[in-house]
Amino acid sequence: MKKNLLASLNEERHEELKGWALVELYGHARIVGLVTSNPIELPGMVRVDVPDLLKNGEVARKGFTRYFGRQAIYALTPCDEDTVRKMLREKCCLW
């Protein structure tokens, strides 16, 4: 039986891309964290894992995970983990 071409393309393209980034969403919301595009658990979505907010070596706010549809994203700026943690401390990107 012949496979649907679109279905086979989607299967072949299922790759996770990961990296630290600032994600800007429509509605003027911003979130920072480890971004995974096309996560295995929700293909077609974007996952953002926000790390714990640390103050004086203590967890001031527990980290969390959010999922977004790709259409909700206005811009994505890659950066490194240190920059993400700095933005969290400065409260410029809290949800």
PDB file of N, CA and C in Angstrom:
ATOM      1  N   MET A   1       0.831  -1.178   0.000  1.00  0.00           N
ATOM      2  CA  MET A   1       0.000   0.000   0.000  1.00  0.00           C
ATOM      3  C   MET A   1       0.882   1.250   0.000  1.00  0.00           C
ATOM      4  N   LYS A   2       0.549   2.223  -0.835  1.00  0.00           N
ATOM      5  CA  LYS A   2       1.326   3.443  -0.977  1.00  0.00           C
ATOM      6  C   LYS A   2       1.018   4.409   0.173  1.00  0.00           C
ATOM      7  N   LYS A   3       2.085   4.955   0.778  1.00  0.00           N
ATOM      8  CA  LYS A   3       1.913   5.915   1.873  1.00  0.00           C
ATOM      9  C   LYS A   3       1.521   7.281   1.338  1.00  0.00           C
ATOM     10  N   ASN A   4       0.780   8.013   2.123  1.00  0.00           N
ATOM     11  CA  ASN A   4       0.469   9.395   1.807  1.00  0.00           C
ATOM     12  C   ASN A   4       1.773  10.185   1.824  1.00  0.00           C
ATOM     13  N   LEU A   5       2.046  10.955   0.770  1.00  0.00           N
ATOM     14  CA  LEU A   5       3.300  11.694   0.646  1.00  0.00           C
ATOM     15  C   LEU A   5       3.482  12.666   1.803  1.00  0.00           C
ATOM     16  N   LEU A   6       2.440  13.403   2.162  1.00  0.00           N
ATOM     17  CA  LEU A   6       2.527  14.365   3.255  1.00  0.00           C
ATOM     18  C   LEU A   6       2.857  13.670   4.570  1.00  0.00           C
ATOM     19  N   ALA A   7       2.237  12.540   4.823  1.00  0.00           N
ATOM     20  CA  ALA A   7       2.502  11.797   6.056  1.00  0.00           C
ATOM     21  C   ALA A   7       3.957  11.338   6.107  1.00  0.00           C
ATOM     22  N   SER A   8       4.473  10.875   4.998  1.00  0.00           N
ATOM     23  CA  SER A   8       5.860  10.401   4.996  1.00  0.00           C
ATOM     24  C   SER A   8       6.832  11.569   5.144  1.00  0.00           C
ATOM     25  N   LEU A   9       6.523  12.733   4.580  1.00  0.00           N
ATOM     26  CA  LEU A   9       7.384  13.908   4.756  1.00  0.00           C
ATOM     27  C   LEU A   9       7.399  14.332   6.217  1.00  0.00           C
ATOM     28  N   ASN A  10       6.238  14.327   6.859  1.00  0.00           N
ATOM     29  CA  ASN A  10       6.171  14.701   8.270  1.00  0.00           C
ATOM     30  C   ASN A  10       6.968  13.746   9.130  1.00  0.00           C
ATOM     31  N   GLU A  11       6.925  12.462   8.827  1.00  0.00           N
ATOM     32  CA  GLU A  11       7.700  11.483   9.588  1.00  0.00           C
ATOM     33  C   GLU A  11       9.194  11.738   9.427  1.00  0.00           C
ATOM     34  N   GLU A  12       9.617  12.041   8.207  1.00  0.00           N
ATOM     35  CA  GLU A  12      11.037  12.255   7.947  1.00  0.00           C
ATOM     36  C   GLU A  12      11.536  13.546   8.581  1.00  0.00           C
ATOM     37  N   ARG A  13      10.701  14.550   8.681  1.00  0.00           N
ATOM     38  CA  ARG A  13      11.099  15.845   9.205  1.00  0.00           C
ATOM     39  C   ARG A  13      11.053  15.921  10.720  1.00  0.00           C
ATOM     40  N   HIS A  14      10.565  14.912  11.381  1.00  0.00           N
ATOM     41  CA  HIS A  14      10.406  15.000  12.828  1.00  0.00           C
ATOM     42  C   HIS A  14      11.770  15.002  13.502  1.00  0.00           C
ATOM     43  N   GLU A  15      12.310  16.193  13.652  1.00  0.00           N
ATOM     44  CA  GLU A  15      13.576  16.381  14.335  1.00  0.00           C
ATOM     45  C   GLU A  15      13.377  17.425  15.412  1.00  0.00           C
ATOM     46  N   GLU A  16      13.960  17.188  16.559  1.00  0.00           N
ATOM     47  CA  GLU A  16      13.928  18.184  17.608  1.00  0.00           C
ATOM     48  C   GLU A  16      15.113  19.112  17.433  1.00  0.00           C
ATOM     49  N   LEU A  17      14.857  20.405  17.470  1.00  0.00           N
ATOM     50  CA  LEU A  17      15.917  21.402  17.471  1.00  0.00           C
ATOM     51  C   LEU A  17      15.873  22.080  18.822  1.00  0.00           C
ATOM     52  N   LYS A  18      16.998  22.127  19.519  1.00  0.00           N
ATOM     53  CA  LYS A  18      17.043  22.691  20.870  1.00  0.00           C
ATOM     54  C   LYS A  18      18.053  23.808  20.958  1.00  0.00           C
ATOM     55  N   GLY A  19      17.738  24.804  21.788  1.00  0.00           N
ATOM     56  CA  GLY A  19      18.673  25.888  22.044  1.00  0.00           C
ATOM     57  C   GLY A  19      18.074  26.899  23.002  1.00  0.00           C
ATOM     58  N   TRP A  20      18.922  27.639  23.679  1.00  0.00           N
ATOM     59  CA  TRP A  20      18.484  28.695  24.590  1.00  0.00           C
ATOM     60  C   TRP A  20      18.074  29.899  23.760  1.00  0.00           C
ATOM     61  N   ALA A  21      16.973  30.549  24.173  1.00  0.00           N
ATOM     62  CA  ALA A  21      16.487  31.684  23.380  1.00  0.00           C
ATOM     63  C   ALA A  21      15.503  32.541  24.161  1.00  0.00           C
ATOM     64  N   LEU A  22      15.335  33.761  23.660  1.00  0.00           N
ATOM     65  CA  LEU A  22      14.264  34.657  24.056  1.00  0.00           C
ATOM     66  C   LEU A  22      13.170  34.472  23.017  1.00  0.00           C
ATOM     67  N   VAL A  23      11.954  34.163  23.462  1.00  0.00           N
ATOM     68  CA  VAL A  23      10.828  33.952  22.557  1.00  0.00           C
ATOM     69  C   VAL A  23       9.842  35.096  22.766  1.00  0.00           C
ATOM     70  N   GLU A  24       9.552  35.823  21.698  1.00  0.00           N
ATOM     71  CA  GLU A  24       8.581  36.908  21.767  1.00  0.00           C
ATOM     72  C   GLU A  24       7.301  36.438  21.092  1.00  0.00           C
ATOM     73  N   LEU A  25       6.195  36.623  21.812  1.00  0.00           N
ATOM     74  CA  LEU A  25       4.905  36.120  21.354  1.00  0.00           C
ATOM     75  C   LEU A  25       3.987  37.283  21.001  1.00  0.00           C
ATOM     76  N   TYR A  26       3.050  37.015  20.130  1.00  0.00           N
ATOM     77  CA  TYR A  26       2.043  38.030  19.843  1.00  0.00           C
ATOM     78  C   TYR A  26       1.324  38.363  21.143  1.00  0.00           C
ATOM     79  N   GLY A  27       0.965  39.622  21.322  1.00  0.00           N
ATOM     80  CA  GLY A  27       0.343  40.055  22.570  1.00  0.00           C
ATOM     81  C   GLY A  27       1.374  40.645  23.519  1.00  0.00           C
ATOM     82  N   HIS A  28       2.573  40.909  23.035  1.00  0.00           N
ATOM     83  CA  HIS A  28       3.656  41.550  23.797  1.00  0.00           C
ATOM     84  C   HIS A  28       4.155  40.713  24.966  1.00  0.00           C
ATOM     85  N   ALA A  29       4.038  39.412  24.894  1.00  0.00           N
ATOM     86  CA  ALA A  29       4.559  38.528  25.933  1.00  0.00           C
ATOM     87  C   ALA A  29       5.944  38.040  25.525  1.00  0.00           C
ATOM     88  N   ARG A  30       6.809  37.873  26.508  1.00  0.00           N
ATOM     89  CA  ARG A  30       8.157  37.355  26.271  1.00  0.00           C
ATOM     90  C   ARG A  30       8.443  36.253  27.274  1.00  0.00           C
ATOM     91  N   ILE A  31       9.166  35.240  26.830  1.00  0.00           N
ATOM     92  CA  ILE A  31       9.543  34.130  27.700  1.00  0.00           C
ATOM     93  C   ILE A  31      10.934  33.674  27.272  1.00  0.00           C
ATOM     94  N   VAL A  32      11.753  33.282  28.249  1.00  0.00           N
ATOM     95  CA  VAL A  32      13.104  32.805  27.947  1.00  0.00           C
ATOM     96  C   VAL A  32      13.274  31.404  28.493  1.00  0.00           C
ATOM     97  N   GLY A  33      14.140  30.641  27.844  1.00  0.00           N
ATOM     98  CA  GLY A  33      14.420  29.299  28.323  1.00  0.00           C
ATOM     99  C   GLY A  33      15.033  28.442  27.248  1.00  0.00           C
ATOM    100  N   LEU A  34      15.035  27.151  27.501  1.00  0.00           N
ATOM    101  CA  LEU A  34      15.534  26.174  26.550  1.00  0.00           C
ATOM    102  C   LEU A  34      14.384  25.838  25.604  1.00  0.00           C
ATOM    103  N   VAL A  35      14.541  26.196  24.352  1.00  0.00           N
ATOM    104  CA  VAL A  35      13.485  26.050  23.355  1.00  0.00           C
ATOM    105  C   VAL A  35      13.695  24.757  22.570  1.00  0.00           C
ATOM    106  N   THR A  36      12.619  23.984  22.440  1.00  0.00           N
ATOM    107  CA  THR A  36      12.639  22.775  21.627  1.00  0.00           C
ATOM    108  C   THR A  36      11.557  22.923  20.570  1.00  0.00           C
ATOM    109  N   SER A  37      11.983  22.882  19.324  1.00  0.00           N
ATOM    110  CA  SER A  37      11.031  22.954  18.221  1.00  0.00           C
ATOM    111  C   SER A  37      10.629  21.547  17.835  1.00  0.00           C
ATOM    112  N   ASN A  38       9.328  21.336  17.668  1.00  0.00           N
ATOM    113  CA  ASN A  38       8.801  20.045  17.250  1.00  0.00           C
ATOM    114  C   ASN A  38       9.100  18.938  18.271  1.00  0.00           C
ATOM    115  N   PRO A  39       8.729  19.158  19.551  1.00  0.00           N
ATOM    116  CA  PRO A  39       9.025  18.135  20.559  1.00  0.00           C
ATOM    117  C   PRO A  39       8.270  16.835  20.282  1.00  0.00           C
ATOM    118  N   ILE A  40       8.857  15.737  20.682  1.00  0.00           N
ATOM    119  CA  ILE A  40       8.275  14.425  20.425  1.00  0.00           C
ATOM    120  C   ILE A  40       6.873  14.308  21.014  1.00  0.00           C
ATOM    121  N   GLU A  41       6.670  14.881  22.219  1.00  0.00           N
ATOM    122  CA  GLU A  41       5.376  14.728  22.880  1.00  0.00           C
ATOM    123  C   GLU A  41       4.254  15.546  22.234  1.00  0.00           C
ATOM    124  N   LEU A  42       4.579  16.631  21.528  1.00  0.00           N
ATOM    125  CA  LEU A  42       3.572  17.458  20.840  1.00  0.00           C
ATOM    126  C   LEU A  42       4.139  17.959  19.512  1.00  0.00           C
ATOM    127  N   PRO A  43       4.223  17.120  18.502  1.00  0.00           N
ATOM    128  CA  PRO A  43       4.778  17.530  17.215  1.00  0.00           C
ATOM    129  C   PRO A  43       4.058  18.761  16.666  1.00  0.00           C
ATOM    130  N   GLY A  44       4.824  19.660  16.073  1.00  0.00           N
ATOM    131  CA  GLY A  44       4.267  20.875  15.492  1.00  0.00           C
ATOM    132  C   GLY A  44       4.218  22.045  16.457  1.00  0.00           C
ATOM    133  N   MET A  45       4.529  21.801  17.724  1.00  0.00           N
ATOM    134  CA  MET A  45       4.504  22.851  18.736  1.00  0.00           C
ATOM    135  C   MET A  45       5.934  23.282  19.046  1.00  0.00           C
ATOM    136  N   VAL A  46       6.042  24.303  19.875  1.00  0.00           N
ATOM    137  CA  VAL A  46       7.332  24.761  20.378  1.00  0.00           C
ATOM    138  C   VAL A  46       7.266  24.677  21.899  1.00  0.00           C
ATOM    139  N   ARG A  47       8.257  24.037  22.491  1.00  0.00           N
ATOM    140  CA  ARG A  47       8.317  23.862  23.942  1.00  0.00           C
ATOM    141  C   ARG A  47       9.373  24.807  24.499  1.00  0.00           C
ATOM    142  N   VAL A  48       9.036  25.494  25.605  1.00  0.00           N
ATOM    143  CA  VAL A  48       9.994  26.370  26.281  1.00  0.00           C
ATOM    144  C   VAL A  48      10.102  25.906  27.732  1.00  0.00           C
ATOM    145  N   ASP A  49      11.297  25.460  28.107  1.00  0.00           N
ATOM    146  CA  ASP A  49      11.587  25.049  29.480  1.00  0.00           C
ATOM    147  C   ASP A  49      12.296  26.213  30.172  1.00  0.00           C
ATOM    148  N   VAL A  50      11.578  26.894  31.063  1.00  0.00           N
ATOM    149  CA  VAL A  50      12.132  28.014  31.807  1.00  0.00           C
ATOM    150  C   VAL A  50      12.839  27.444  33.033  1.00  0.00           C
ATOM    151  N   PRO A  51      14.124  27.784  33.212  1.00  0.00           N
ATOM    152  CA  PRO A  51      14.854  27.213  34.353  1.00  0.00           C
ATOM    153  C   PRO A  51      14.428  27.841  35.684  1.00  0.00           C
ATOM    154  N   ASP A  52      14.846  27.200  36.781  1.00  0.00           N
ATOM    155  CA  ASP A  52      14.607  27.758  38.110  1.00  0.00           C
ATOM    156  C   ASP A  52      15.230  29.149  38.195  1.00  0.00           C
ATOM    157  N   LEU A  53      14.577  30.053  38.901  1.00  0.00           N
ATOM    158  CA  LEU A  53      15.136  31.366  39.187  1.00  0.00           C
ATOM    159  C   LEU A  53      15.882  31.241  40.508  1.00  0.00           C
ATOM    160  N   LEU A  54      17.188  31.450  40.469  1.00  0.00           N
ATOM    161  CA  LEU A  54      18.023  31.306  41.661  1.00  0.00           C
ATOM    162  C   LEU A  54      18.395  32.668  42.222  1.00  0.00           C
ATOM    163  N   LYS A  55      18.280  32.809  43.548  1.00  0.00           N
ATOM    164  CA  LYS A  55      18.725  34.026  44.239  1.00  0.00           C
ATOM    165  C   LYS A  55      19.499  33.592  45.461  1.00  0.00           C
ATOM    166  N   ASN A  56      20.752  34.035  45.534  1.00  0.00           N
ATOM    167  CA  ASN A  56      21.638  33.671  46.652  1.00  0.00           C
ATOM    168  C   ASN A  56      21.752  32.160  46.818  1.00  0.00           C
ATOM    169  N   GLY A  57      21.782  31.438  45.705  1.00  0.00           N
ATOM    170  CA  GLY A  57      21.928  29.995  45.736  1.00  0.00           C
ATOM    171  C   GLY A  57      20.656  29.238  46.089  1.00  0.00           C
ATOM    172  N   GLU A  58      19.564  29.944  46.312  1.00  0.00           N
ATOM    173  CA  GLU A  58      18.273  29.337  46.660  1.00  0.00           C
ATOM    174  C   GLU A  58      17.310  29.459  45.484  1.00  0.00           C
ATOM    175  N   VAL A  59      16.406  28.512  45.356  1.00  0.00           N
ATOM    176  CA  VAL A  59      15.394  28.568  44.301  1.00  0.00           C
ATOM    177  C   VAL A  59      14.309  29.555  44.733  1.00  0.00           C
ATOM    178  N   ALA A  60      14.253  30.700  44.040  1.00  0.00           N
ATOM    179  CA  ALA A  60      13.247  31.724  44.339  1.00  0.00           C
ATOM    180  C   ALA A  60      11.940  31.442  43.602  1.00  0.00           C
ATOM    181  N   ARG A  61      12.046  30.815  42.448  1.00  0.00           N
ATOM    182  CA  ARG A  61      10.858  30.411  41.700  1.00  0.00           C
ATOM    183  C   ARG A  61      11.198  29.149  40.920  1.00  0.00           C
ATOM    184  N   LYS A  62      10.362  28.158  41.080  1.00  0.00           N
ATOM    185  CA  LYS A  62      10.562  26.871  40.399  1.00  0.00           C
ATOM    186  C   LYS A  62      10.426  27.069  38.894  1.00  0.00           C
ATOM    187  N   GLY A  63      11.227  26.361  38.137  1.00  0.00           N
ATOM    188  CA  GLY A  63      11.134  26.393  36.682  1.00  0.00           C
ATOM    189  C   GLY A  63       9.831  25.765  36.209  1.00  0.00           C
ATOM    190  N   PHE A  64       9.490  26.005  34.958  1.00  0.00           N
ATOM    191  CA  PHE A  64       8.252  25.463  34.403  1.00  0.00           C
ATOM    192  C   PHE A  64       8.393  25.283  32.895  1.00  0.00           C
ATOM    193  N   THR A  65       7.432  24.595  32.310  1.00  0.00           N
ATOM    194  CA  THR A  65       7.417  24.322  30.870  1.00  0.00           C
ATOM    195  C   THR A  65       6.144  24.880  30.271  1.00  0.00           C
ATOM    196  N   ARG A  66       6.271  25.519  29.099  1.00  0.00           N
ATOM    197  CA  ARG A  66       5.111  26.014  28.354  1.00  0.00           C
ATOM    198  C   ARG A  66       5.227  25.530  26.913  1.00  0.00           C
ATOM    199  N   TYR A  67       4.085  25.286  26.288  1.00  0.00           N
ATOM    200  CA  TYR A  67       4.019  24.894  24.877  1.00  0.00           C
ATOM    201  C   TYR A  67       3.279  25.987  24.113  1.00  0.00           C
ATOM    202  N   PHE A  68       3.754  26.274  22.894  1.00  0.00           N
ATOM    203  CA  PHE A  68       3.126  27.287  22.048  1.00  0.00           C
ATOM    204  C   PHE A  68       2.985  26.761  20.632  1.00  0.00           C
ATOM    205  N   GLY A  69       1.935  27.192  19.967  1.00  0.00           N
ATOM    206  CA  GLY A  69       1.819  26.939  18.541  1.00  0.00           C
ATOM    207  C   GLY A  69       2.791  27.852  17.816  1.00  0.00           C
ATOM    208  N   ARG A  70       3.327  27.417  16.730  1.00  0.00           N
ATOM    209  CA  ARG A  70       4.304  28.221  15.987  1.00  0.00           C
ATOM    210  C   ARG A  70       3.732  29.559  15.542  1.00  0.00           C
ATOM    211  N   GLN A  71       2.431  29.605  15.286  1.00  0.00           N
ATOM    212  CA  GLN A  71       1.796  30.840  14.827  1.00  0.00           C
ATOM    213  C   GLN A  71       1.782  31.911  15.919  1.00  0.00           C
ATOM    214  N   ALA A  72       1.956  31.522  17.176  1.00  0.00           N
ATOM    215  CA  ALA A  72       1.935  32.474  18.286  1.00  0.00           C
ATOM    216  C   ALA A  72       3.259  33.212  18.441  1.00  0.00           C
ATOM    217  N   ILE A  73       4.294  32.741  17.762  1.00  0.00           N
ATOM    218  CA  ILE A  73       5.630  33.308  17.937  1.00  0.00           C
ATOM    219  C   ILE A  73       5.879  34.420  16.926  1.00  0.00           C
ATOM    220  N   TYR A  74       6.249  35.572  17.470  1.00  0.00           N
ATOM    221  CA  TYR A  74       6.560  36.745  16.650  1.00  0.00           C
ATOM    222  C   TYR A  74       8.046  36.760  16.290  1.00  0.00           C
ATOM    223  N   ALA A  75       8.902  36.472  17.278  1.00  0.00           N
ATOM    224  CA  ALA A  75      10.346  36.482  17.048  1.00  0.00           C
ATOM    225  C   ALA A  75      11.015  35.517  18.020  1.00  0.00           C
ATOM    226  N   LEU A  76      12.175  35.023  17.625  1.00  0.00           N
ATOM    227  CA  LEU A  76      12.962  34.117  18.448  1.00  0.00           C
ATOM    228  C   LEU A  76      14.415  34.561  18.342  1.00  0.00           C
ATOM    229  N   THR A  77      15.028  34.865  19.482  1.00  0.00           N
ATOM    230  CA  THR A  77      16.410  35.337  19.499  1.00  0.00           C
ATOM    231  C   THR A  77      17.284  34.325  20.223  1.00  0.00           C
ATOM    232  N   PRO A  78      18.128  33.602  19.508  1.00  0.00           N
ATOM    233  CA  PRO A  78      19.016  32.634  20.154  1.00  0.00           C
ATOM    234  C   PRO A  78      20.007  33.344  21.084  1.00  0.00           C
ATOM    235  N   CYS A  79      20.332  32.714  22.192  1.00  0.00           N
ATOM    236  CA  CYS A  79      21.319  33.237  23.126  1.00  0.00           C
ATOM    237  C   CYS A  79      21.898  32.058  23.909  1.00  0.00           C
ATOM    238  N   ASP A  80      22.702  32.350  24.917  1.00  0.00           N
ATOM    239  CA  ASP A  80      23.266  31.261  25.717  1.00  0.00           C
ATOM    240  C   ASP A  80      22.548  31.168  27.065  1.00  0.00           C
ATOM    241  N   GLU A  81      22.836  30.119  27.811  1.00  0.00           N
ATOM    242  CA  GLU A  81      22.152  29.872  29.074  1.00  0.00           C
ATOM    243  C   GLU A  81      22.397  31.000  30.071  1.00  0.00           C
ATOM    244  N   ASP A  82      23.616  31.542  30.121  1.00  0.00           N
ATOM    245  CA  ASP A  82      23.910  32.627  31.057  1.00  0.00           C
ATOM    246  C   ASP A  82      23.037  33.852  30.785  1.00  0.00           C
ATOM    247  N   THR A  83      22.823  34.159  29.521  1.00  0.00           N
ATOM    248  CA  THR A  83      21.981  35.297  29.150  1.00  0.00           C
ATOM    249  C   THR A  83      20.536  35.053  29.574  1.00  0.00           C
ATOM    250  N   VAL A  84      20.052  33.835  29.382  1.00  0.00           N
ATOM    251  CA  VAL A  84      18.684  33.488  29.804  1.00  0.00           C
ATOM    252  C   VAL A  84      18.543  33.689  31.306  1.00  0.00           C
ATOM    253  N   ARG A  85      19.491  33.191  32.073  1.00  0.00           N
ATOM    254  CA  ARG A  85      19.412  33.304  33.536  1.00  0.00           C
ATOM    255  C   ARG A  85      19.506  34.763  33.989  1.00  0.00           C
ATOM    256  N   LYS A  86      20.296  35.565  33.282  1.00  0.00           N
ATOM    257  CA  LYS A  86      20.387  36.998  33.592  1.00  0.00           C
ATOM    258  C   LYS A  86      19.044  37.682  33.328  1.00  0.00           C
ATOM    259  N   MET A  87      18.410  37.371  32.202  1.00  0.00           N
ATOM    260  CA  MET A  87      17.112  37.971  31.884  1.00  0.00           C
ATOM    261  C   MET A  87      16.063  37.576  32.929  1.00  0.00           C
ATOM    262  N   LEU A  88      16.122  36.351  33.425  1.00  0.00           N
ATOM    263  CA  LEU A  88      15.184  35.920  34.463  1.00  0.00           C
ATOM    264  C   LEU A  88      15.381  36.723  35.752  1.00  0.00           C
ATOM    265  N   ARG A  89      16.652  36.942  36.132  1.00  0.00           N
ATOM    266  CA  ARG A  89      16.941  37.703  37.348  1.00  0.00           C
ATOM    267  C   ARG A  89      16.465  39.143  37.229  1.00  0.00           C
ATOM    268  N   GLU A  90      16.557  39.708  36.027  1.00  0.00           N
ATOM    269  CA  GLU A  90      16.170  41.099  35.805  1.00  0.00           C
ATOM    270  C   GLU A  90      14.661  41.254  35.584  1.00  0.00           C
ATOM    271  N   LYS A  91      13.934  40.151  35.625  1.00  0.00           N
ATOM    272  CA  LYS A  91      12.471  40.139  35.494  1.00  0.00           C
ATOM    273  C   LYS A  91      11.982  40.751  34.189  1.00  0.00           C
ATOM    274  N   CYS A  92      12.799  40.705  33.149  1.00  0.00           N
ATOM    275  CA  CYS A  92      12.351  41.281  31.877  1.00  0.00           C
ATOM    276  C   CYS A  92      11.567  40.269  31.065  1.00  0.00           C
ATOM    277  N   CYS A  93      11.550  39.027  31.483  1.00  0.00           N
ATOM    278  CA  CYS A  93      10.915  38.006  30.658  1.00  0.00           C
ATOM    279  C   CYS A  93      10.121  36.997  31.473  1.00  0.00           C
ATOM    280  N   LEU A  94       9.426  37.428  32.457  1.00  0.00           N
ATOM    281  CA  LEU A  94       8.608  36.517  33.237  1.00  0.00           C
ATOM    282  C   LEU A  94       7.235  36.438  32.626  1.00  0.00           C
ATOM    283  N   TRP A  95       6.655  35.286  32.686  1.00  0.00           N
ATOM    284  CA  TRP A  95       5.333  35.088  32.118  1.00  0.00           C
ATOM    285  C   TRP A  95       4.301  35.519  33.123  1.00  0.00           C
TER     286      TRP A  95
END
